[in-house]
Protein backbone atom coordinates (compact mmCIF):
# COMPACT_ATOMS: atom_id res chain seq x y z
CA UNK A 1 -0.03 0.05 0.38
CA UNK A 2 2.93 2.21 0.09
CA UNK A 3 2.71 3.30 -3.72
CA UNK A 4 -1.06 4.55 -2.63
CA UNK A 5 -1.76 8.18 -2.20
CA UNK A 6 -2.21 8.44 1.55
CA UNK A 7 -5.08 10.75 3.38
CA UNK A 8 -3.35 13.10 6.37
CA UNK A 9 -4.84 10.56 8.63
CA UNK A 10 -2.41 8.02 7.38
CA UNK A 11 -4.83 5.32 5.62
CA UNK A 12 -5.15 4.80 1.89
CA UNK A 13 -7.66 7.05 -0.02
CA UNK A 14 -9.10 3.88 -1.65
CA UNK A 15 -9.24 1.96 1.61
CA UNK A 16 -11.41 4.63 2.98
CA UNK A 17 -13.72 4.66 0.23
CA UNK A 18 -14.01 1.38 0.27
CA UNK A 19 -14.79 0.51 4.38
CA UNK A 20 -17.51 3.71 3.49
CA UNK A 21 -18.70 2.64 0.54
CA UNK A 22 -18.99 -1.03 2.09
CA UNK A 23 -21.22 -0.03 5.18
CA UNK A 24 -23.31 2.40 2.86
CA UNK A 25 -24.64 -0.37 0.51
CA UNK A 26 -24.97 -2.79 3.31
CA UNK A 27 -26.84 -0.63 5.95
CA UNK A 28 -29.00 0.84 2.71
CA UNK A 29 -30.36 -3.26 2.19
CA UNK A 30 -32.23 -2.29 5.29
CA UNK A 31 -34.03 1.09 4.36
CA UNK A 32 -35.36 0.16 0.61
CA UNK A 33 -38.65 -0.92 1.54
CA UNK A 34 -39.80 1.89 3.36
CA UNK A 35 -40.75 4.14 0.58
CA UNK A 36 -41.98 0.99 -1.44
CA UNK A 37 -44.49 -0.06 1.08
CA UNK A 38 -47.64 2.05 -0.42
CA UNK A 39 -47.22 -0.17 -3.65
CA UNK A 40 -45.57 -3.33 -2.77
CA UNK A 41 -48.91 -3.97 -0.46
CA UNK A 42 -51.09 -3.68 -3.39
CA UNK A 43 -48.71 -5.67 -6.15
CA UNK A 44 -48.72 -9.12 -3.35
CA UNK A 45 -52.21 -8.89 -1.97
CA UNK A 46 -51.28 -7.65 1.06
CA UNK A 47 -52.84 -5.49 4.27
CA UNK A 48 -50.98 -2.28 5.15
CA UNK A 49 -50.64 -4.01 8.58
CA UNK A 50 -48.93 -7.13 6.82
CA UNK A 51 -46.01 -4.99 4.74
CA UNK A 52 -45.68 -2.93 7.89
CA UNK A 53 -44.11 -5.80 9.47
CA UNK A 54 -41.46 -6.02 6.35
CA UNK A 55 -39.19 -3.11 7.91
CA UNK A 56 -39.80 -3.99 11.34
CA UNK A 57 -38.36 -7.59 10.41
CA UNK A 58 -35.57 -6.16 8.73
CA UNK A 59 -34.80 -4.12 11.76
CA UNK A 60 -35.25 -6.81 14.31
CA UNK A 61 -32.93 -9.31 11.98
CA UNK A 62 -30.03 -5.89 11.95
CA UNK A 63 -30.33 -6.30 15.79
CA UNK A 64 -30.24 -10.15 16.13
CA UNK A 65 -27.63 -10.21 13.65
CA UNK A 66 -25.41 -7.59 15.55
CA UNK A 67 -26.23 -9.29 18.98
CA UNK A 68 -25.37 -12.93 17.55
CA UNK A 69 -23.13 -12.55 14.63
CA UNK A 70 -21.27 -8.87 15.12
CA UNK A 71 -19.14 -10.34 18.15
CA UNK A 72 -17.38 -13.13 16.08
CA UNK A 73 -15.41 -9.81 14.35
CA UNK A 74 -13.18 -10.00 17.90
CA UNK A 75 -12.33 -13.87 17.26
CA UNK A 76 -12.26 -14.16 13.37
CA UNK A 77 -10.41 -12.05 10.62
CA UNK A 78 -12.80 -9.86 9.99
CA UNK A 79 -12.66 -9.59 5.98
CA UNK A 80 -13.58 -13.11 5.97
CA UNK A 81 -16.58 -12.43 8.15
CA UNK A 82 -17.20 -9.63 5.69
CA UNK A 83 -17.24 -11.51 2.25
CA UNK A 84 -19.44 -14.41 3.79
CA UNK A 85 -22.09 -11.92 4.55
CA UNK A 86 -22.05 -10.35 1.53
CA UNK A 87 -22.90 -13.39 -0.25
CA UNK A 88 -25.67 -14.20 1.92
CA UNK A 89 -27.19 -10.69 1.70
CA UNK A 90 -27.34 -10.72 -2.38
CA UNK A 91 -29.01 -14.35 -2.29
CA UNK A 92 -31.79 -12.89 0.24
CA UNK A 93 -32.39 -9.66 -1.45
CA UNK A 94 -32.96 -11.68 -4.87
CA UNK A 95 -35.24 -13.78 -2.90
CA UNK A 96 -36.99 -10.46 -1.88
CA UNK A 97 -37.45 -9.69 -5.65
CA UNK A 98 -38.75 -12.75 -6.48
CA UNK A 99 -41.18 -13.40 -3.45
CA UNK A 100 -44.47 -13.96 -4.66
CA UNK A 101 -46.28 -13.38 -1.70
CA UNK A 102 -46.00 -11.57 2.09
CA UNK A 103 -44.78 -14.80 3.84
CA UNK A 104 -41.50 -15.23 1.59
CA UNK A 105 -41.19 -11.45 1.48
CA UNK A 106 -40.80 -10.92 5.08
CA UNK A 107 -38.43 -14.04 5.96
CA UNK A 108 -36.45 -12.52 3.63
CA UNK A 109 -36.55 -9.42 5.16
CA UNK A 110 -35.44 -10.99 8.49
CA UNK A 111 -32.24 -12.31 6.68
CA UNK A 112 -31.57 -9.00 5.04
CA UNK A 113 -31.52 -7.97 8.23
CA UNK A 114 -28.98 -10.16 9.61
CA UNK A 115 -26.44 -10.03 6.92
CA UNK A 116 -26.55 -6.22 6.40
CA UNK A 117 -24.54 -6.38 9.73
CA UNK A 118 -21.83 -6.31 7.99
CA UNK A 119 -21.78 -2.85 7.77
CA UNK A 120 -21.18 -3.07 11.76
CA UNK A 121 -17.93 -5.35 10.47
CA UNK A 122 -16.91 -2.76 8.77
CA UNK A 123 -17.07 0.35 10.99
CA UNK A 124 -14.76 -1.43 14.15
CA UNK A 125 -12.56 -2.24 11.02
CA UNK A 126 -12.18 1.17 10.43
CA UNK A 127 -11.48 2.06 14.24
CA UNK A 128 -9.24 -0.78 14.54
CA UNK A 129 -6.97 0.62 10.91
CA UNK A 130 -6.91 4.22 11.87
CA UNK A 131 -4.32 5.77 14.43
CA UNK A 132 -6.02 6.53 17.57
CA UNK A 133 -4.99 10.58 17.13
CA UNK A 134 -7.48 10.23 14.20
CA UNK A 135 -10.03 7.60 14.90
CA UNK A 136 -12.82 10.02 15.94
CA UNK A 137 -12.48 11.58 12.23
CA UNK A 138 -11.89 8.33 10.37
CA UNK A 139 -14.81 6.71 11.73
CA UNK A 140 -16.92 9.70 11.27
CA UNK A 141 -15.55 9.65 7.14
CA UNK A 142 -16.44 6.02 7.19
CA UNK A 143 -20.11 6.56 8.84
CA UNK A 144 -20.45 9.31 6.49
CA UNK A 145 -20.79 6.23 3.85
CA UNK A 146 -23.15 4.46 5.91
CA UNK A 147 -25.48 7.25 6.59
CA UNK A 148 -25.88 8.48 3.11
CA UNK A 149 -26.41 4.89 2.48
CA UNK A 150 -29.08 5.11 5.14
CA UNK A 151 -30.87 8.21 3.75
CA UNK A 152 -30.08 7.94 -0.17
CA UNK A 153 -31.20 4.55 -0.41
CA UNK A 154 -34.82 6.32 0.31
CA UNK A 155 -34.35 8.45 -2.55
CA UNK A 156 -33.42 5.50 -4.81
CA UNK A 157 -35.96 2.89 -4.16
CA UNK A 158 -38.65 5.41 -4.17
CA UNK A 159 -37.63 6.34 -7.51
CA UNK A 160 -36.88 3.01 -8.91
CA UNK A 161 -40.63 1.56 -7.43
CA UNK A 162 -42.46 4.10 -8.99
CA UNK A 163 -40.55 3.81 -12.51
CA UNK A 164 -39.87 0.36 -12.68
CA UNK A 165 -41.44 -1.47 -9.70
CA UNK A 166 -40.48 -2.68 -6.26
CA UNK A 167 -39.13 -5.93 -7.56
CA UNK A 168 -36.46 -4.23 -9.73
CA UNK A 169 -35.09 -2.18 -6.85
CA UNK A 170 -34.27 -5.48 -4.78
CA UNK A 171 -32.43 -6.71 -7.90
CA UNK A 172 -30.56 -3.65 -8.05
CA UNK A 173 -29.43 -3.96 -4.37
CA UNK A 174 -28.31 -7.37 -4.95
CA UNK A 175 -26.01 -6.34 -7.57
CA UNK A 176 -24.72 -3.10 -5.72
CA UNK A 177 -23.77 -5.86 -2.72
CA UNK A 178 -22.10 -8.33 -4.93
CA UNK A 179 -20.13 -5.56 -6.67
CA UNK A 180 -19.35 -4.41 -3.09
CA UNK A 181 -18.21 -7.83 -2.42
CA UNK A 182 -15.70 -8.35 -5.40
CA UNK A 183 -14.12 -4.95 -4.38
CA UNK A 184 -13.73 -6.16 -0.65
CA UNK A 185 -12.23 -9.46 -1.67
CA UNK A 186 -9.47 -7.36 -3.61
CA UNK A 187 -8.90 -4.73 -1.37
CA UNK A 188 -9.65 -5.03 2.29
CA UNK A 189 -6.88 -5.90 4.46
CA UNK A 190 -6.95 -8.93 6.52
CA UNK A 191 -7.58 -8.45 10.32
CA UNK A 192 -6.18 -10.27 13.43
CA UNK A 193 -8.34 -11.39 15.66
CA UNK A 194 -7.78 -10.01 19.03
CA UNK A 195 -9.32 -13.12 21.35
CA UNK A 196 -9.35 -16.52 21.19
CA UNK A 197 -12.59 -16.76 22.98
CA UNK A 198 -15.13 -19.77 22.25
CA UNK A 199 -19.00 -18.58 20.69
CA UNK A 200 -20.59 -19.33 23.97
CA UNK A 201 -17.78 -17.19 25.73
CA UNK A 202 -17.89 -14.79 23.43
CA UNK A 203 -21.73 -13.77 23.37
CA UNK A 204 -20.79 -14.31 27.41
CA UNK A 205 -18.49 -11.82 27.56
CA UNK A 206 -21.38 -9.19 26.11
CA UNK A 207 -22.93 -9.20 29.81
CA UNK A 208 -19.68 -8.61 31.41
CA UNK A 209 -19.01 -5.98 29.27
CA UNK A 210 -22.26 -4.30 29.82
CA UNK A 211 -22.25 -4.67 33.52
CA UNK A 212 -18.86 -3.57 33.74
CA UNK A 213 -18.70 0.09 31.71
CA UNK A 214 -21.37 2.75 32.55
CA UNK A 215 -20.34 4.40 29.65
CA UNK A 216 -21.48 1.56 27.33
CA UNK A 217 -24.76 1.87 29.30
CA UNK A 218 -25.32 5.30 28.85
CA UNK A 219 -24.73 5.39 24.84
CA UNK A 220 -26.56 2.48 24.45
CA UNK A 221 -29.42 3.67 26.47
CA UNK A 222 -29.21 7.52 25.19
CA UNK A 223 -28.89 6.06 21.26
CA UNK A 224 -31.58 3.45 21.24
CA UNK A 225 -34.10 6.44 22.44
CA UNK A 226 -32.75 9.17 19.99
CA UNK A 227 -33.44 5.77 17.26
CA UNK A 228 -37.21 5.40 18.37
CA UNK A 229 -38.07 8.89 16.81
CA UNK A 230 -35.67 8.13 13.74
CA UNK A 231 -37.55 4.93 12.89
CA UNK A 232 -40.84 6.48 13.56
CA UNK A 233 -40.65 9.24 11.11
CA UNK A 234 -39.03 7.39 8.12
CA UNK A 235 -41.39 4.25 8.63
CA UNK A 236 -44.45 6.26 8.58
CA UNK A 237 -43.48 9.06 6.30
CA UNK A 238 -44.57 7.24 2.68
CA UNK A 239 -47.90 6.40 4.16
CA UNK A 240 -48.41 9.56 5.77
CA UNK A 241 -47.61 11.28 2.32
CA UNK A 242 -49.62 9.01 0.20
CA UNK A 243 -52.90 10.31 1.85
CA UNK A 244 -54.73 13.42 2.42
CA UNK A 245 -53.75 16.38 2.21
CA UNK A 246 -50.80 15.13 -0.21
CA UNK A 247 -51.34 12.24 -2.26
CA UNK A 248 -47.92 11.72 -3.09
CA UNK A 249 -46.09 8.82 -4.30
CA UNK A 250 -43.18 6.45 -3.72
CA UNK A 251 -40.65 9.02 -5.27
CA UNK A 252 -41.46 11.81 -3.43
CA UNK A 253 -41.37 9.83 -0.28
CA UNK A 254 -38.15 8.91 -1.23
CA UNK A 255 -37.12 12.65 -2.09
CA UNK A 256 -37.33 13.74 1.38
CA UNK A 257 -33.82 11.26 2.04
CA UNK A 258 -32.03 13.78 -0.01
CA UNK A 259 -33.32 16.20 3.03
CA UNK A 260 -31.83 13.83 5.64
CA UNK A 261 -28.85 13.28 3.68
CA UNK A 262 -27.87 16.69 4.69
CA UNK A 263 -27.31 15.28 8.09
CA UNK A 264 -24.85 13.25 6.97
CA UNK A 265 -22.31 16.25 6.93
CA UNK A 266 -22.60 16.11 10.28
CA UNK A 267 -20.31 12.78 10.84
CA UNK A 268 -16.88 14.24 9.87
CA UNK A 269 -17.51 17.32 11.77
CA UNK A 270 -18.76 15.62 14.45
CA UNK A 271 -15.69 13.09 14.52
CA UNK A 272 -13.16 16.41 14.91
CA UNK A 273 -15.15 17.86 17.74
CA UNK A 274 -15.23 15.05 19.63
CA UNK A 275 -11.19 14.31 18.90
CA UNK A 276 -10.51 17.63 19.79
CA UNK A 277 -13.31 19.06 22.50
CA UNK A 278 -14.34 15.49 23.68
CA UNK A 279 -17.63 13.50 22.65
CA UNK A 280 -19.95 14.68 25.56
CA UNK A 281 -20.25 18.16 24.15
CA UNK A 282 -21.20 17.02 20.83
CA UNK A 283 -23.36 14.18 22.11
CA UNK A 284 -25.81 16.46 24.18
CA UNK A 285 -25.79 19.64 21.39
CA UNK A 286 -26.95 16.80 18.79
CA UNK A 287 -29.48 15.64 21.38
CA UNK A 288 -30.87 18.83 21.91
CA UNK A 289 -31.31 19.47 18.04
CA UNK A 290 -33.31 16.39 17.97
CA UNK A 291 -35.84 17.39 20.44
CA UNK A 292 -36.03 20.80 18.75
CA UNK A 293 -36.82 19.60 15.15
CA UNK A 294 -39.35 16.53 16.34
CA UNK A 295 -40.91 19.39 18.56
CA UNK A 296 -41.02 21.95 15.70
CA UNK A 297 -43.47 19.04 13.73
CA UNK A 298 -45.86 19.41 16.31
CA UNK A 299 -47.06 22.74 14.62
CA UNK A 300 -47.55 21.03 11.21
CA UNK A 301 -51.45 20.80 11.68
CA UNK A 302 -51.56 24.61 11.88
CA UNK A 303 -50.16 25.37 8.67
CA UNK A 304 -51.19 25.09 4.86
CA UNK A 305 -50.39 21.54 3.13
CA UNK A 306 -47.09 23.63 1.34
CA UNK A 307 -46.01 25.32 4.50
CA UNK A 308 -46.41 21.95 6.18
CA UNK A 309 -43.94 20.04 3.90
CA UNK A 310 -41.20 22.90 4.32
CA UNK A 311 -41.65 22.15 8.00
CA UNK A 312 -41.23 18.64 7.84
CA UNK A 313 -38.26 18.59 5.31
CA UNK A 314 -36.25 21.23 7.51
CA UNK A 315 -37.26 19.41 10.49
CA UNK A 316 -35.76 16.07 8.81
CA UNK A 317 -32.55 18.17 8.16
CA UNK A 318 -32.40 19.04 11.63
CA UNK A 319 -33.30 15.81 13.58
CA UNK A 320 -30.84 14.00 11.13
CA UNK A 321 -28.03 16.31 11.67
CA UNK A 322 -28.26 16.34 15.61
CA UNK A 323 -28.63 12.48 15.74
CA UNK A 324 -25.80 11.68 13.59
CA UNK A 325 -23.54 13.72 15.31
CA UNK A 326 -24.72 12.23 18.89
CA UNK A 327 -23.90 8.64 17.05
CA UNK A 328 -20.36 9.26 15.96
CA UNK A 329 -19.53 10.92 19.47
CA UNK A 330 -21.02 7.96 21.21
CA UNK A 331 -18.98 5.50 18.54
CA UNK A 332 -16.31 7.40 19.79
CA UNK A 333 -16.72 6.51 23.70
CA UNK A 334 -18.03 3.42 22.95
CA UNK A 335 -14.86 2.08 20.60
CA UNK A 336 -12.46 3.96 23.19
CA UNK A 337 -13.55 1.64 26.00
CA UNK A 338 -11.32 -1.75 25.24
CA UNK A 339 -9.63 -1.86 21.93
CA UNK A 340 -9.50 -5.53 22.20
CA UNK A 341 -13.22 -5.84 22.30
CA UNK A 342 -14.30 -3.16 19.75
CA UNK A 343 -16.62 -5.49 18.02
CA UNK A 344 -18.42 -6.63 20.90
CA UNK A 345 -18.77 -3.31 22.45
CA UNK A 346 -19.91 -2.33 19.08
CA UNK A 347 -22.54 -5.12 19.04
CA UNK A 348 -23.60 -4.26 22.33
CA UNK A 349 -24.26 -0.69 21.66
CA UNK A 350 -25.93 -0.96 17.71
CA UNK A 351 -28.41 -3.91 19.40
CA UNK A 352 -29.76 -1.06 21.49
CA UNK A 353 -29.86 1.03 18.55
CA UNK A 354 -31.80 -0.98 16.59
CA UNK A 355 -33.82 -2.08 18.94
CA UNK A 356 -34.58 0.94 19.41
CA UNK A 357 -35.26 1.44 15.48
CA UNK A 358 -37.60 -1.39 15.54
CA UNK A 359 -39.63 -0.32 18.18
CA UNK A 360 -39.58 2.95 16.61
CA UNK A 361 -41.03 1.53 13.31
CA UNK A 362 -43.96 -0.65 15.59
CA UNK A 363 -45.02 2.24 17.47
CA UNK A 364 -44.75 4.70 14.30
CA UNK A 365 -47.29 2.76 12.85
CA UNK A 366 -49.72 2.06 15.46
CA UNK A 367 -49.63 5.64 16.74
CA UNK A 368 -50.17 6.90 13.42
CA UNK A 369 -52.98 4.74 13.13
CA UNK A 370 -54.59 6.27 16.36
CA UNK A 371 -53.62 9.67 16.72
CA UNK A 372 -51.99 10.51 13.26
CA UNK A 373 -49.00 12.55 12.13
CA UNK A 374 -49.05 14.54 15.21
CA UNK A 375 -49.17 11.62 17.29
CA UNK A 376 -45.86 10.42 15.59
CA UNK A 377 -44.14 14.13 16.26
CA UNK A 378 -45.21 13.58 19.61
CA UNK A 379 -43.41 10.25 20.17
CA UNK A 380 -40.87 11.10 18.53
CA UNK A 381 -40.18 14.66 20.65
CA UNK A 382 -40.71 12.17 24.16
CA UNK A 383 -38.28 9.70 23.37
CA UNK A 384 -35.51 12.32 22.04
CA UNK A 385 -36.09 13.71 25.57
CA UNK A 386 -35.72 10.74 27.11
CA UNK A 387 -31.96 10.63 25.02
CA UNK A 388 -31.27 14.06 26.53
CA UNK A 389 -32.09 13.32 30.28
CA UNK A 390 -29.79 9.91 30.28
CA UNK A 391 -26.89 12.36 28.59
CA UNK A 392 -27.58 15.09 31.23
CA UNK A 393 -27.45 12.16 34.21
CA UNK A 394 -24.20 12.39 35.93
CA UNK A 395 -21.84 9.61 34.84
CA UNK A 396 -20.88 7.18 37.11
CA UNK A 397 -17.37 6.73 38.14
CA UNK A 398 -14.73 5.56 35.26
CA UNK A 399 -13.69 1.56 36.14
CA UNK A 400 -10.01 1.14 36.61
CA UNK A 401 -9.68 -1.29 34.22
CA UNK A 402 -11.46 -2.66 31.16
CA UNK A 403 -12.48 -5.76 31.00
CA UNK A 404 -13.48 -8.77 28.71
CA UNK A 405 -10.01 -8.24 26.02
CA UNK A 406 -7.94 -10.95 24.46
CA UNK A 407 -8.21 -14.33 26.69
């Protein structure tokens, strides 16, 4: 790699681009379905309630994959794990594309969630490869790719579903993961395991890490609460826009991802500030911005439809920016706890995050049906306030030594 131009953070540009693209394309697979739900249901003869379980099962699969599979990154070469997951993810996306009814689609969605966790093998790999002084910025840069994957996936899927059908979107997604798999096989370095623990002991050490590190618990609770509002918004947006008074299609719902994509700019900025000023300031400011952005949407019923859309766009920019800033700062905290247990720490942290995502998706659908869009905005505001309360609560004393590293 000496012949490759290096960034000022000490890693090859090509490697950082590969890591960012791998994370982005993998995690995008979780969100392609959301803007397509309005068209997907009628096409396969499924009710709105049934197709609402597609994003829920995908996110639950992701949470299970993080909990049960991501810790293996400390035990085995992460490169091999990434390639194996990419292969299965391609097959799951193709299965979704050819699903004849909602049952097979739900099963495929669960497997998509399980294997899209290759994104959570990429991020600890970036933290391991990065020099310590620039870890926040490098992780932030890779997370920019991941976050753009989350947000722009909706734009792409809305457009493709409206013009070519929802099955074509899953096929395109499978092709993108196949491309990433080939690129990773050629360009991703091998990463030495940091522990020899067996699988049972590896999973058991997750509980030890959770009990030992108050910083891990606070980060997980706070980001999980922020994720409830995030998921409630994005999982109900297409349904809300499809109805009165907007009557907008999948492409319009997906286009809101462009507004949210502005929030991805927060990732490298937050990483740099966390490196220089510490992560706590970034987390609290991010949580405050999320609270204010969601609370502003409570004013939507007082506005004309055009003004209401403008408010939703502005709020999406604000809460995405704040949430992503908090996420990067939380990861800086988590990855600094124990370098030998980064995959397991990441597993605990993101299990909490995606439990919050799945809960937000399910609660958002229920709240939208019972109390409308104002109910969704209130749910998101309250969950963000809960996250801010967790971060404002005084931290416990820092443990004297790390645990659960190489054994």
